[in-house]
Protein backbone atom coordinates (compact mmCIF):
# COMPACT_ATOMS: atom_id res chain seq x y z
CA MET A 1 -0.13 0.05 0.23
CA ASP A 2 1.40 3.24 -0.97
CA LEU A 3 1.25 6.45 1.30
CA VAL A 4 -1.17 7.80 -0.71
CA ALA A 5 -3.54 5.25 -0.45
CA LEU A 6 -2.59 4.58 3.22
CA GLN A 7 -3.75 8.43 3.91
CA ASN A 8 -7.00 7.87 2.22
CA TRP A 9 -7.77 4.77 4.69
CA LEU A 10 -6.33 6.48 7.49
CA ASP A 11 -8.57 9.52 7.14
CA ASN A 12 -11.78 7.24 6.38
CA ALA A 13 -11.12 5.14 9.33
CA SER A 14 -10.25 8.09 11.76
CA PHE A 15 -13.75 9.72 10.93
CA ALA A 16 -15.64 6.30 11.02
CA VAL A 17 -13.81 5.39 14.59
CA LEU A 18 -15.05 9.09 15.78
CA PHE A 19 -18.35 8.82 14.86
CA PHE A 20 -18.38 5.45 16.73
CA THR A 21 -16.57 7.00 19.72
CA MET A 22 -19.47 9.93 19.64
CA LEU A 23 -22.34 7.36 19.70
CA MET A 24 -20.92 5.37 22.77
CA TYR A 25 -20.30 8.56 24.86
CA TRP A 26 -23.72 9.51 24.36
CA ALA A 27 -24.87 6.29 24.96
CA GLY A 28 -23.08 6.25 27.99
CA ALA A 29 -24.65 9.32 29.17
CA ALA A 30 -28.29 8.04 28.09
CA PHE A 31 -27.97 4.98 30.09
CA PRO A 32 -24.96 5.59 32.97
CA LYS A 33 -25.66 2.00 34.32
CA LEU A 34 -24.05 0.54 31.21
CA SER A 35 -20.38 1.10 32.63
CA TYR A 36 -18.81 -0.62 29.58
CA LEU A 37 -20.29 2.29 27.12
CA PRO A 38 -17.64 5.16 28.40
CA THR A 39 -14.72 2.51 28.08
CA LEU A 40 -15.57 1.97 24.83
CA GLY A 41 -15.96 5.72 23.96
CA ALA A 42 -12.44 6.03 25.72
CA THR A 43 -10.95 3.49 23.53
CA GLY A 44 -12.39 4.79 20.07
CA MET A 45 -11.00 8.25 20.99
CA ALA A 46 -7.56 6.48 21.70
CA ILE A 47 -7.74 4.63 18.40
CA GLY A 48 -8.87 7.94 16.43
CA ASN A 49 -6.16 9.91 17.96
CA LEU A 50 -3.61 7.02 16.88
CA CYS A 51 -5.12 7.04 13.42
CA ILE A 52 -4.94 10.90 12.83
CA ALA A 53 -1.29 10.57 14.10
CA ALA A 54 -0.50 7.97 11.48
CA LEU A 55 -2.14 9.98 8.70
CA LEU A 56 0.03 13.12 9.80
CA GLY A 57 3.15 11.01 9.85
CA ALA A 58 2.54 9.43 6.47
CA ARG A 59 1.59 12.62 5.05
CA TRP A 60 4.80 14.25 6.34
CA ILE A 61 7.14 11.17 4.91
CA GLU A 62 5.06 11.57 1.71
CA ALA A 63 5.39 15.33 1.25
CA GLY A 64 8.99 15.82 3.04
CA TYR A 65 7.62 18.64 5.29
CA PHE A 66 5.64 18.87 8.50
CA PRO A 67 2.03 18.71 7.34
CA LEU A 68 0.54 22.02 8.42
CA SER A 69 0.53 23.78 4.71
CA ASN A 70 -3.28 23.69 3.88
CA LEU A 71 -6.84 23.04 5.11
CA TYR A 72 -6.97 19.39 5.07
CA GLU A 73 -3.57 18.97 7.07
CA SER A 74 -4.55 21.41 9.48
CA LEU A 75 -8.20 20.21 10.17
CA PHE A 76 -6.54 16.57 10.82
CA PHE A 77 -4.09 18.35 13.03
CA ILE A 78 -6.77 20.42 15.04
CA ALA A 79 -8.75 17.19 15.49
CA TRP A 80 -5.64 15.16 16.40
CA GLY A 81 -5.08 18.16 19.15
CA ILE A 82 -8.88 17.70 20.63
CA THR A 83 -8.77 14.03 20.84
CA ALA A 84 -5.35 14.53 22.96
CA MET A 85 -6.85 17.26 25.00
CA HIS A 86 -10.00 15.35 25.56
CA PHE A 87 -7.57 13.01 27.68
CA VAL A 88 -5.99 15.62 29.72
CA ALA A 89 -9.86 16.86 30.43
CA GLU A 90 -10.95 13.13 31.20
CA ASN A 91 -8.29 12.33 33.56
CA MET A 92 -8.28 15.48 35.06
CA SER A 93 -12.15 15.32 35.88
CA ARG A 94 -12.33 11.43 36.06
CA SER A 95 -15.59 12.11 34.04
CA SER A 96 -16.64 10.31 30.91
CA LEU A 97 -19.17 13.32 30.08
CA VAL A 98 -16.44 15.42 28.50
CA GLY A 99 -16.36 12.83 25.63
CA VAL A 100 -19.86 14.15 25.20
CA VAL A 101 -18.84 17.17 23.91
CA THR A 102 -15.05 16.34 22.55
CA ALA A 103 -16.25 13.30 20.47
CA PRO A 104 -18.77 15.17 18.37
CA ILE A 105 -16.46 18.30 17.34
CA ALA A 106 -13.41 15.88 16.49
CA MET A 107 -15.67 13.84 14.57
CA GLY A 108 -17.19 16.91 12.57
CA ILE A 109 -13.87 18.16 11.92
CA THR A 110 -12.66 14.80 10.39
CA ALA A 111 -15.94 14.47 8.58
CA PHE A 112 -15.37 17.82 7.11
CA ALA A 113 -11.95 17.34 6.13
CA THR A 114 -12.72 13.87 4.57
CA LEU A 115 -15.84 13.85 3.23
CA THR A 116 -16.56 17.77 2.17
CA LEU A 117 -13.11 19.14 0.61
CA PRO A 118 -12.33 18.05 -2.98
CA ALA A 119 -9.46 15.91 -3.97
CA THR A 120 -7.45 18.78 -5.32
CA MET A 121 -7.32 20.12 -1.66
CA GLN A 122 -6.53 16.85 0.14
CA SER A 123 -4.05 16.15 -2.09
CA ALA A 124 0.10 17.32 -0.83
CA GLU A 125 1.67 20.39 -2.83
CA PRO A 126 4.91 21.94 -2.66
CA LEU A 127 5.08 24.63 -0.16
CA VAL A 128 4.52 28.07 -1.20
CA PRO A 129 7.86 30.31 -0.69
CA ALA A 130 6.78 31.87 2.53
CA LEU A 131 5.99 28.67 4.23
CA LYS A 132 9.82 27.36 3.54
CA SER A 133 10.54 28.19 6.94
CA ASN A 134 11.56 26.23 10.23
CA TRP A 135 9.09 28.48 11.98
CA LEU A 136 6.12 26.53 10.00
CA MET A 137 6.39 23.70 12.62
CA MET A 138 6.89 26.13 15.62
CA HIS A 139 4.39 28.72 14.82
CA VAL A 140 1.52 27.06 13.16
CA SER A 141 1.75 23.71 15.21
CA VAL A 142 1.50 25.56 18.26
CA MET A 143 -1.36 28.04 17.32
CA LEU A 144 -3.44 24.91 16.34
CA LEU A 145 -2.76 23.11 19.66
CA SER A 146 -3.79 26.49 21.40
CA TYR A 147 -6.86 26.24 19.40
CA ALA A 148 -7.63 22.70 19.77
CA ALA A 149 -7.24 23.48 24.07
CA LEU A 150 -9.31 26.57 23.89
CA MET A 151 -11.88 24.95 21.74
CA VAL A 152 -12.01 22.12 24.43
CA GLY A 153 -12.16 24.46 27.17
CA SER A 154 -15.08 26.46 25.44
CA LEU A 155 -17.04 23.54 24.87
CA LEU A 156 -17.23 22.18 28.41
CA ALA A 157 -18.06 25.70 29.54
CA VAL A 158 -21.19 25.43 27.13
CA ALA A 159 -21.67 22.18 28.86
CA PHE A 160 -21.66 23.86 32.07
CA LEU A 161 -24.13 26.21 30.80
CA VAL A 162 -26.56 23.38 29.55
CA VAL A 163 -26.36 21.76 32.97
CA THR A 164 -27.16 24.42 35.22
CA ARG A 165 -29.76 25.67 32.69
CA GLY A 166 -28.58 28.97 33.10
CA GLN A 167 -28.81 29.31 36.72
CA GLU A 168 -26.43 31.11 39.09
CA ILE A 169 -25.32 28.71 41.38
CA GLU A 170 -22.65 28.51 44.30
CA LEU A 171 -19.45 26.41 43.28
CA LYS A 172 -17.18 24.82 45.83
CA GLY A 173 -14.13 24.08 43.03
CA SER A 174 -10.71 25.63 43.66
CA SER A 175 -10.88 27.00 40.10
CA VAL A 176 -11.32 30.59 41.18
CA GLY A 177 -9.16 33.72 42.54
CA THR A 178 -8.68 34.22 46.10
CA GLY A 179 -8.30 37.90 46.35
CA ALA A 180 -10.21 39.94 48.81
CA TYR A 181 -13.02 40.83 46.10
CA ARG A 182 -13.75 37.38 45.64
CA ASP A 183 -14.01 36.66 49.59
CA SER A 184 -15.99 39.74 50.26
CA ARG A 185 -18.08 38.62 47.51
CA LEU A 186 -18.72 35.32 48.92
CA ARG A 187 -19.31 36.68 52.37
CA ARG A 188 -22.03 38.92 50.87
CA ALA A 189 -23.49 36.02 48.99
CA GLY A 190 -23.58 33.71 51.91
CA SER A 191 -25.38 36.13 54.07
CA GLU A 192 -27.93 37.00 51.31
CA ASN A 193 -28.40 33.45 50.61
CA ALA A 194 -28.91 32.82 54.65
CA ALA A 195 -31.33 35.52 54.67
CA LEU A 196 -33.40 34.49 51.55
CA THR A 197 -33.29 30.81 52.94
CA LEU A 198 -34.67 32.07 56.47
CA SER A 199 -37.41 33.76 55.01
CA ALA A 200 -38.36 30.98 52.81
CA ALA A 201 -38.62 28.64 55.81
CA GLN A 202 -40.75 30.85 57.67
CA SER A 203 -43.23 31.32 54.83
CA THR A 204 -46.22 29.73 55.28
CA ASP A 205 -47.37 29.93 51.39
CA ALA A 206 -45.56 26.78 49.69
CA ALA A 207 -45.76 28.56 46.26
CA THR A 208 -44.06 31.63 47.62
CA ALA A 209 -41.09 29.48 49.22
CA VAL A 210 -40.71 28.07 45.67
CA LEU A 211 -40.38 31.45 44.19
CA THR A 212 -37.84 32.69 46.40
CA PRO A 213 -34.25 32.96 45.08
CA ALA A 214 -33.02 30.57 47.80
CA SER A 215 -34.89 27.83 46.35
CA GLU A 216 -33.66 28.57 43.01
CA THR A 217 -29.95 28.28 44.17
CA ILE A 218 -30.81 24.71 45.21
CA ALA A 219 -33.19 23.72 42.57
CA LEU A 220 -30.36 21.26 40.90
CA THR A 221 -29.90 17.94 42.29
CA PRO A 222 -26.32 17.12 43.98
CA GLN A 223 -25.45 15.01 41.16
CA ARG A 224 -25.93 18.00 38.77
CA LEU A 225 -24.14 20.38 41.01
CA ASN A 226 -21.06 17.96 41.33
CA LEU A 227 -21.18 17.69 37.49
CA ALA A 228 -21.38 21.36 37.11
CA ASP A 229 -18.61 22.18 39.62
CA THR A 230 -16.50 19.42 37.59
CA LEU A 231 -17.18 21.16 34.21
CA ASP A 232 -16.48 24.55 35.75
CA ASN A 233 -13.07 23.60 36.92
CA ILE A 234 -11.76 21.56 33.95
CA SER A 235 -12.88 24.41 31.65
CA TYR A 236 -10.99 26.85 33.55
CA ARG A 237 -7.67 24.42 33.71
CA ILE A 238 -8.09 23.78 29.85
CA ILE A 239 -8.41 26.99 29.02
CA GLY A 240 -5.65 27.86 31.25
CA LEU A 241 -3.55 25.39 29.44
CA GLY A 242 -4.61 26.81 25.97
CA PHE A 243 -3.60 30.38 26.55
CA PRO A 244 -0.19 30.01 27.15
CA LEU A 245 0.21 28.23 23.63
CA LEU A 246 -1.79 30.74 22.06
CA THR A 247 0.54 33.49 23.48
CA ILE A 248 3.81 31.22 22.58
CA GLY A 249 2.38 30.93 19.02
CA ILE A 250 1.71 34.60 18.28
CA ILE A 251 5.18 35.54 19.41
CA ALA A 252 6.36 33.03 17.54
CA GLY A 253 4.43 33.92 14.29
CA ALA A 254 5.81 37.61 14.92
CA VAL A 255 9.10 36.64 14.88
CA TRP A 256 8.40 34.61 11.63
CA ALA A 257 6.72 37.51 10.11
CA ASN A 258 9.85 39.77 10.91
CA GLU A 259 11.80 37.46 8.94
CA ALA A 260 9.56 36.87 5.91
CA TRP A 261 8.05 40.37 5.39
CA GLY A 262 10.09 42.51 7.49
CA SER A 263 7.56 43.20 10.15
CA TYR A 264 6.80 41.75 13.57
CA TRP A 265 2.98 43.17 13.09
CA SER A 266 1.23 44.24 10.37
CA TRP A 267 -2.66 44.25 11.35
CA ASP A 268 -3.97 42.06 8.71
CA PRO A 269 -7.25 40.15 9.37
CA LYS A 270 -5.51 37.05 10.76
CA GLU A 271 -3.16 38.89 13.28
CA THR A 272 -5.96 41.09 14.39
CA TRP A 273 -8.28 38.09 15.05
CA ALA A 274 -5.38 36.41 17.01
CA LEU A 275 -5.18 39.23 19.01
CA ILE A 276 -9.04 39.31 19.41
CA THR A 277 -8.88 35.43 20.53
CA TRP A 278 -5.89 36.34 22.83
CA LEU A 279 -8.15 39.43 24.44
CA VAL A 280 -10.86 37.51 25.08
CA PHE A 281 -9.32 34.62 26.82
CA ALA A 282 -7.38 37.04 28.56
CA ALA A 283 -10.14 38.56 30.11
CA TYR A 284 -11.86 35.24 30.85
CA LEU A 285 -8.61 34.40 33.05
CA HIS A 286 -8.36 37.67 34.44
CA ALA A 287 -12.00 37.48 35.44
CA ARG A 288 -11.74 34.19 37.14
CA ILE A 289 -8.15 34.84 38.85
CA THR A 290 -8.27 38.28 40.17
CA ARG A 291 -11.70 39.14 39.93
CA GLY A 292 -13.17 35.88 41.75
CA TRP A 293 -15.80 34.96 38.77
CA GLN A 294 -17.06 31.52 38.57
CA GLY A 295 -20.07 29.72 36.86
CA ARG A 296 -22.49 31.23 34.66
CA ARG A 297 -20.71 34.43 33.80
CA PRO A 298 -16.93 33.18 33.00
CA ALA A 299 -18.90 30.50 31.01
CA ILE A 300 -20.55 32.60 28.79
CA LEU A 301 -17.45 34.37 27.96
CA ALA A 302 -15.69 31.05 27.29
CA ALA A 303 -18.59 30.08 25.01
CA SER A 304 -18.14 33.03 23.14
CA GLY A 305 -14.49 32.40 22.54
CA PHE A 306 -15.16 29.31 21.07
CA VAL A 307 -17.04 31.19 18.00
CA VAL A 308 -13.89 33.69 18.18
CA VAL A 309 -11.54 31.09 17.77
CA TRP A 310 -13.24 29.46 14.61
CA VAL A 311 -13.59 33.06 13.27
CA CYS A 312 -9.71 33.34 13.77
CA TYR A 313 -8.85 29.96 12.39
CA LEU A 314 -11.14 29.53 9.50
CA GLY A 315 -13.45 32.53 9.28
CA VAL A 316 -11.02 35.39 8.18
CA ASN A 317 -9.29 33.43 5.66
CA LEU A 318 -12.52 33.00 3.77
CA LEU A 319 -11.90 36.58 2.83
CA GLY A 320 -8.69 35.85 1.01
CA LYS A 321 -7.09 38.87 2.13
CA GLY A 322 -4.02 40.10 3.98
CA LEU A 323 -0.54 38.45 4.35
CA HIS A 324 -2.29 35.09 5.19
CA SER A 325 -4.31 35.03 2.13
CA TYR A 326 -2.23 32.11 0.41
CA GLY A 327 -3.83 29.86 3.21
CA TRP A 328 -7.28 30.53 4.15
CA PHE A 329 -5.82 26.81 4.77
CA PHE A 330 -5.19 27.55 8.15
């Protein structure tokens, strides 16, 4: 089997395996008593990760350069990054529910690359002059890994919003700041909740008690609260991993730009949206670490970051403008 045929087989296999993996994780969430379903899902995710790694390795050998030069290659690299970050998140959370949100996005990316892109875009092509640099591996790989981590963290934030149904809840996790602002906020929130609970307990009207804000904070079951706490914590930690990677990738890109174009920063659409992405997640981390935000507000900010990452990765390249116009591919 030649390398091209091997790649064609591996991209289809990775899609099929990740589709199976998604079904296993979803079925495991629907039927939690079937303990073997999450195990099958984790096995499928590992096989999918290895298939994509083998695909990229075969592509590297065939083309003679690190496979990050077009849309097909970068999509599979992001899918590989998402499957890798899945195991990081699952290991930290000890919850198979992480796969419920990571498996569909990994499967969707491989499906788009395998089934949607024309054959001409899937084939390896010689590098354009701007990409013939050792910075290709450093800059692009780190940027795509950061996108993968930020996507996973953002998806877990979306899952948090779904689990909590938009309610403000008091979390017990350690993924928030410890400054004076947070301490005073928690003391104030605790006194307010105590007063509201007392008023509800003293009320003789059951309907009135149900409608008080105190009852709203305890509407979720303990299991759902524990899950929400886990999702909030792991989302924060994964985003905290992706943000330094994004920072390193932007710095590496600036150095490469100076070598290739004589300027560290040119404000073309790709660079501008990379900065916007950095600012969104910097605001998220700042709010959590120094302002003590937790729960719904930072989750909404992280969820918006998911859209911003996709605009930066793919959306602005569709314009075909700027110094990165040769690759609306990445």
